Amino acid sequence: MATSAVAISAPHQPTSVFVRAPQSTKTPTKCTIEVFSRVIKPLLDGSSYTVNSVACSGDWADVIFTSEGTKQVDVAEYNKPLGVWVPDNTTEVCSKHMVPKALKIKACSGTISQAQ
């Protein structure tokens, strides 16, 4: 069953200045629903959400979740100095073609909305 995803943008700039390896398939830390539930929680504070799936490629991840009945997708980037995944500004990283090809179709399609 095909679903359309709505991307949300984190209200911050990309968190890293290090060189990215977009075609890398090595995941820097665990790529699990539990990890990403904690990553997106601050963005959705006060809303009801469920993380449906995550996919990782190198230092990048897409997180598909349902927030108050609407399916959405967010992009996260691994911050090596801090050792944590951080949500990125989806609009910016998609428009600058920073998201790896393996994640780009799901992470960068659909209507973009702002997370407040």
N, C-alpha and C. Protein backbone atom coordinates (compact mmCIF):
# COMPACT_ATOMS: atom_id res chain seq x y z
N MET A 1 0.84 -1.17 0.00
CA MET A 1 0.00 0.00 0.00
C MET A 1 0.89 1.24 0.00
N ALA A 2 0.72 2.11 -0.95
CA ALA A 2 1.53 3.31 -1.07
C ALA A 2 0.96 4.41 -0.19
N THR A 3 1.85 5.11 0.50
CA THR A 3 1.43 6.25 1.30
C THR A 3 2.32 7.42 0.94
N SER A 4 1.80 8.60 1.03
CA SER A 4 2.64 9.76 0.80
C SER A 4 3.10 10.27 2.14
N ALA A 5 4.35 10.69 2.20
CA ALA A 5 4.92 11.16 3.45
C ALA A 5 5.02 12.67 3.41
N VAL A 6 4.87 13.27 4.56
CA VAL A 6 5.02 14.71 4.70
C VAL A 6 6.29 14.94 5.48
N ALA A 7 7.20 15.71 4.94
CA ALA A 7 8.46 15.97 5.62
C ALA A 7 8.30 17.15 6.56
N ILE A 8 8.96 17.07 7.70
CA ILE A 8 8.96 18.21 8.60
C ILE A 8 10.37 18.76 8.66
N SER A 9 10.48 20.01 8.95
CA SER A 9 11.78 20.66 9.05
C SER A 9 12.06 21.00 10.50
N ALA A 10 13.22 20.60 10.95
CA ALA A 10 13.63 20.98 12.30
C ALA A 10 13.97 22.46 12.29
N PRO A 11 13.71 23.18 13.36
CA PRO A 11 13.95 24.61 13.37
C PRO A 11 15.42 24.96 13.66
N HIS A 12 16.34 24.31 13.01
CA HIS A 12 17.76 24.59 13.21
C HIS A 12 18.53 24.28 11.95
N GLN A 13 19.76 24.70 11.92
CA GLN A 13 20.64 24.46 10.78
C GLN A 13 21.28 23.08 10.92
N PRO A 14 21.81 22.52 9.82
CA PRO A 14 22.54 21.26 9.95
C PRO A 14 23.62 21.40 11.01
N THR A 15 23.85 20.32 11.74
CA THR A 15 24.66 20.41 12.94
C THR A 15 26.15 20.17 12.75
N SER A 16 26.58 19.83 11.55
CA SER A 16 27.97 19.46 11.42
C SER A 16 28.66 20.22 10.30
N VAL A 17 29.97 20.32 10.42
CA VAL A 17 30.76 20.94 9.38
C VAL A 17 31.76 19.94 8.80
N PHE A 18 31.71 18.72 9.24
CA PHE A 18 32.64 17.71 8.74
C PHE A 18 32.22 17.25 7.35
N VAL A 19 33.16 16.65 6.63
CA VAL A 19 32.88 16.17 5.28
C VAL A 19 31.98 14.96 5.35
N ARG A 20 30.92 14.98 4.53
CA ARG A 20 29.96 13.88 4.53
C ARG A 20 30.34 12.87 3.46
N ALA A 21 30.01 11.61 3.71
CA ALA A 21 30.20 10.55 2.73
C ALA A 21 28.83 9.99 2.38
N PRO A 22 28.08 10.66 1.49
CA PRO A 22 26.68 10.29 1.25
C PRO A 22 26.47 8.87 0.77
N GLN A 23 27.44 8.27 0.12
CA GLN A 23 27.23 6.93 -0.40
C GLN A 23 27.65 5.84 0.61
N SER A 24 28.13 6.25 1.77
CA SER A 24 28.55 5.29 2.79
C SER A 24 27.35 4.48 3.28
N THR A 25 27.58 3.21 3.57
CA THR A 25 26.51 2.39 4.13
C THR A 25 26.79 2.01 5.57
N LYS A 26 27.90 2.47 6.11
CA LYS A 26 28.24 2.17 7.51
C LYS A 26 27.44 3.09 8.43
N THR A 27 26.67 2.50 9.32
CA THR A 27 25.87 3.27 10.26
C THR A 27 26.70 3.58 11.50
N PRO A 28 26.80 4.85 11.90
CA PRO A 28 27.66 5.22 13.02
C PRO A 28 27.16 4.77 14.38
N THR A 29 25.88 4.63 14.56
CA THR A 29 25.34 4.14 15.81
C THR A 29 24.06 3.40 15.49
N LYS A 30 23.41 2.83 16.49
CA LYS A 30 22.21 2.02 16.24
C LYS A 30 21.15 2.78 15.46
N CYS A 31 20.55 2.08 14.54
CA CYS A 31 19.48 2.64 13.71
C CYS A 31 18.21 1.90 14.10
N THR A 32 17.62 2.30 15.22
CA THR A 32 16.45 1.60 15.73
C THR A 32 15.32 2.59 16.00
N ILE A 33 14.12 2.07 16.04
CA ILE A 33 12.96 2.90 16.36
C ILE A 33 13.12 3.52 17.75
N GLU A 34 13.66 2.77 18.70
CA GLU A 34 13.84 3.30 20.05
C GLU A 34 14.76 4.52 20.05
N VAL A 35 15.88 4.44 19.31
CA VAL A 35 16.81 5.57 19.24
C VAL A 35 16.12 6.80 18.65
N PHE A 36 15.38 6.62 17.55
CA PHE A 36 14.80 7.76 16.87
C PHE A 36 13.53 8.28 17.52
N SER A 37 12.88 7.50 18.35
CA SER A 37 11.77 8.03 19.14
C SER A 37 12.29 9.12 20.06
N ARG A 38 13.46 8.90 20.63
CA ARG A 38 14.06 9.91 21.51
C ARG A 38 14.56 11.12 20.71
N VAL A 39 15.02 10.88 19.47
CA VAL A 39 15.56 11.96 18.65
C VAL A 39 14.46 12.96 18.27
N ILE A 40 13.28 12.47 17.86
CA ILE A 40 12.25 13.40 17.40
C ILE A 40 11.34 13.91 18.50
N LYS A 41 11.38 13.31 19.67
CA LYS A 41 10.51 13.74 20.77
C LYS A 41 10.58 15.24 21.06
N PRO A 42 11.78 15.84 21.15
CA PRO A 42 11.82 17.29 21.43
C PRO A 42 11.15 18.13 20.35
N LEU A 43 11.15 17.67 19.10
CA LEU A 43 10.52 18.42 18.01
C LEU A 43 9.00 18.39 18.12
N LEU A 44 8.48 17.32 18.73
CA LEU A 44 7.04 17.11 18.75
C LEU A 44 6.48 17.17 20.16
N ASP A 45 7.20 17.85 21.04
CA ASP A 45 6.78 17.93 22.43
C ASP A 45 5.32 18.36 22.52
N GLY A 46 4.54 17.59 23.23
CA GLY A 46 3.13 17.90 23.42
C GLY A 46 2.22 17.24 22.40
N SER A 47 2.79 16.62 21.36
CA SER A 47 1.93 15.94 20.38
C SER A 47 2.03 14.43 20.55
N SER A 48 1.03 13.76 20.08
CA SER A 48 1.00 12.31 20.12
C SER A 48 1.63 11.79 18.83
N TYR A 49 2.67 10.97 18.93
CA TYR A 49 3.33 10.45 17.74
C TYR A 49 3.78 9.01 17.97
N THR A 50 3.96 8.30 16.86
CA THR A 50 4.48 6.95 16.88
C THR A 50 5.49 6.83 15.75
N VAL A 51 6.70 6.35 16.06
CA VAL A 51 7.69 6.12 15.01
C VAL A 51 7.36 4.79 14.35
N ASN A 52 7.15 4.82 13.03
CA ASN A 52 6.80 3.63 12.28
C ASN A 52 8.01 2.88 11.75
N SER A 53 9.01 3.61 11.25
CA SER A 53 10.21 2.96 10.72
C SER A 53 11.35 3.96 10.63
N VAL A 54 12.55 3.41 10.57
CA VAL A 54 13.74 4.22 10.34
C VAL A 54 14.60 3.52 9.30
N ALA A 55 15.37 4.29 8.58
CA ALA A 55 16.33 3.74 7.63
C ALA A 55 17.57 4.61 7.70
N CYS A 56 18.73 3.98 7.69
CA CYS A 56 19.98 4.72 7.80
C CYS A 56 20.90 4.42 6.63
N SER A 57 21.70 5.42 6.28
CA SER A 57 22.74 5.27 5.28
C SER A 57 23.87 6.20 5.69
N GLY A 58 24.96 5.64 6.10
CA GLY A 58 26.08 6.45 6.56
C GLY A 58 25.69 7.30 7.75
N ASP A 59 25.94 8.60 7.64
CA ASP A 59 25.65 9.54 8.73
C ASP A 59 24.24 10.11 8.66
N TRP A 60 23.36 9.51 7.84
CA TRP A 60 22.03 10.04 7.61
C TRP A 60 20.96 9.01 7.94
N ALA A 61 19.78 9.51 8.29
CA ALA A 61 18.65 8.62 8.56
C ALA A 61 17.37 9.32 8.14
N ASP A 62 16.38 8.51 7.75
CA ASP A 62 15.03 9.06 7.64
C ASP A 62 14.17 8.34 8.65
N VAL A 63 13.26 9.08 9.23
CA VAL A 63 12.39 8.57 10.28
C VAL A 63 10.95 8.78 9.81
N ILE A 64 10.22 7.69 9.62
CA ILE A 64 8.82 7.80 9.23
C ILE A 64 7.99 7.62 10.49
N PHE A 65 7.10 8.56 10.74
CA PHE A 65 6.31 8.51 11.96
C PHE A 65 4.92 9.05 11.69
N THR A 66 4.03 8.80 12.63
CA THR A 66 2.68 9.33 12.59
C THR A 66 2.54 10.32 13.74
N SER A 67 2.13 11.54 13.41
CA SER A 67 1.92 12.56 14.43
C SER A 67 0.48 13.04 14.32
N GLU A 68 -0.28 12.79 15.35
CA GLU A 68 -1.68 13.19 15.41
C GLU A 68 -2.43 12.77 14.14
N GLY A 69 -2.19 11.52 13.72
CA GLY A 69 -2.91 10.94 12.59
C GLY A 69 -2.34 11.23 11.22
N THR A 70 -1.27 12.02 11.13
CA THR A 70 -0.67 12.36 9.85
C THR A 70 0.69 11.69 9.71
N LYS A 71 0.89 10.97 8.59
CA LYS A 71 2.20 10.35 8.34
C LYS A 71 3.19 11.41 7.93
N GLN A 72 4.38 11.36 8.52
CA GLN A 72 5.42 12.34 8.24
C GLN A 72 6.77 11.64 8.15
N VAL A 73 7.74 12.34 7.60
CA VAL A 73 9.10 11.83 7.56
C VAL A 73 10.04 12.96 7.95
N ASP A 74 11.05 12.63 8.72
CA ASP A 74 12.05 13.60 9.13
C ASP A 74 13.42 13.06 8.75
N VAL A 75 14.38 13.95 8.61
CA VAL A 75 15.75 13.58 8.30
C VAL A 75 16.61 13.88 9.52
N ALA A 76 17.47 12.93 9.87
CA ALA A 76 18.40 13.13 10.99
C ALA A 76 19.82 12.90 10.48
N GLU A 77 20.76 13.56 11.13
CA GLU A 77 22.16 13.43 10.77
C GLU A 77 22.96 13.07 12.03
N TYR A 78 23.95 12.20 11.87
CA TYR A 78 24.77 11.81 13.00
C TYR A 78 25.82 12.87 13.27
N ASN A 79 25.84 13.38 14.50
CA ASN A 79 26.82 14.37 14.91
C ASN A 79 27.98 13.61 15.56
N LYS A 80 29.08 13.46 14.83
CA LYS A 80 30.22 12.67 15.32
C LYS A 80 30.83 13.23 16.60
N PRO A 81 31.06 14.56 16.71
CA PRO A 81 31.66 15.07 17.94
C PRO A 81 30.81 14.78 19.19
N LEU A 82 29.49 14.84 19.05
CA LEU A 82 28.61 14.59 20.20
C LEU A 82 28.22 13.12 20.33
N GLY A 83 28.36 12.36 19.24
CA GLY A 83 28.00 10.94 19.26
C GLY A 83 26.50 10.70 19.34
N VAL A 84 25.70 11.60 18.73
CA VAL A 84 24.24 11.46 18.76
C VAL A 84 23.64 11.79 17.39
N TRP A 85 22.43 11.29 17.15
CA TRP A 85 21.65 11.65 15.97
C TRP A 85 20.89 12.93 16.28
N VAL A 86 20.87 13.87 15.33
CA VAL A 86 20.18 15.14 15.51
C VAL A 86 19.29 15.40 14.30
N PRO A 87 18.03 15.77 14.51
CA PRO A 87 17.16 16.11 13.37
C PRO A 87 17.73 17.28 12.59
N ASP A 88 17.65 17.22 11.28
CA ASP A 88 18.16 18.27 10.42
C ASP A 88 17.03 19.10 9.84
N ASN A 89 17.40 20.22 9.24
CA ASN A 89 16.44 21.03 8.52
C ASN A 89 16.17 20.32 7.19
N THR A 90 15.06 19.62 7.11
CA THR A 90 14.75 18.77 5.97
C THR A 90 14.74 19.57 4.67
N THR A 91 14.15 20.75 4.67
CA THR A 91 14.09 21.57 3.47
C THR A 91 15.50 21.88 2.97
N GLU A 92 16.38 22.26 3.87
CA GLU A 92 17.73 22.65 3.48
C GLU A 92 18.54 21.46 2.97
N VAL A 93 18.57 20.36 3.72
CA VAL A 93 19.41 19.24 3.31
C VAL A 93 18.90 18.58 2.03
N CYS A 94 17.59 18.60 1.81
CA CYS A 94 17.04 18.04 0.58
C CYS A 94 17.32 18.95 -0.61
N SER A 95 17.15 20.25 -0.44
CA SER A 95 17.38 21.17 -1.55
C SER A 95 18.85 21.24 -1.94
N LYS A 96 19.74 20.97 -0.99
CA LYS A 96 21.18 20.98 -1.29
C LYS A 96 21.69 19.59 -1.67
N HIS A 97 20.78 18.63 -1.82
CA HIS A 97 21.12 17.26 -2.23
C HIS A 97 22.16 16.61 -1.32
N MET A 98 22.00 16.82 -0.02
CA MET A 98 22.92 16.27 0.96
C MET A 98 22.51 14.87 1.44
N VAL A 99 21.25 14.50 1.22
CA VAL A 99 20.73 13.21 1.70
C VAL A 99 21.16 12.11 0.74
N PRO A 100 21.69 11.00 1.25
CA PRO A 100 22.14 9.91 0.37
C PRO A 100 21.02 9.39 -0.53
N LYS A 101 21.40 8.92 -1.71
CA LYS A 101 20.43 8.40 -2.68
C LYS A 101 19.53 7.33 -2.07
N ALA A 102 20.09 6.50 -1.20
CA ALA A 102 19.33 5.40 -0.60
C ALA A 102 18.14 5.90 0.22
N LEU A 103 18.20 7.12 0.72
CA LEU A 103 17.15 7.67 1.58
C LEU A 103 16.35 8.79 0.91
N LYS A 104 16.89 9.35 -0.15
CA LYS A 104 16.34 10.59 -0.71
C LYS A 104 14.88 10.50 -1.14
N ILE A 105 14.48 9.43 -1.79
CA ILE A 105 13.10 9.35 -2.28
C ILE A 105 12.10 9.47 -1.15
N LYS A 106 12.30 8.71 -0.07
CA LYS A 106 11.36 8.79 1.06
C LYS A 106 11.55 10.06 1.86
N ALA A 107 12.79 10.46 2.09
CA ALA A 107 13.07 11.59 3.00
C ALA A 107 12.74 12.94 2.38
N CYS A 108 12.81 13.05 1.07
CA CYS A 108 12.70 14.37 0.44
C CYS A 108 11.49 14.54 -0.46
N SER A 109 10.53 13.65 -0.40
CA SER A 109 9.34 13.80 -1.22
C SER A 109 8.18 14.28 -0.37
N GLY A 110 7.21 14.85 -0.99
CA GLY A 110 6.01 15.28 -0.26
C GLY A 110 6.06 16.74 0.11
N THR A 111 5.03 17.17 0.78
CA THR A 111 4.91 18.55 1.20
C THR A 111 5.77 18.78 2.43
N ILE A 112 6.45 19.90 2.48
CA ILE A 112 7.29 20.25 3.61
C ILE A 112 6.48 21.11 4.57
N SER A 113 6.51 20.78 5.85
CA SER A 113 5.86 21.61 6.86
C SER A 113 6.84 21.89 7.99
N GLN A 114 6.63 22.94 8.72
CA GLN A 114 7.54 23.32 9.79
C GLN A 114 7.15 22.68 11.11
N ALA A 115 8.12 22.13 11.82
CA ALA A 115 7.91 21.66 13.20
C ALA A 115 8.15 22.85 14.12
N GLN A 116 7.26 23.09 15.01
CA GLN A 116 7.44 24.21 15.93
C GLN A 116 7.65 23.71 17.33
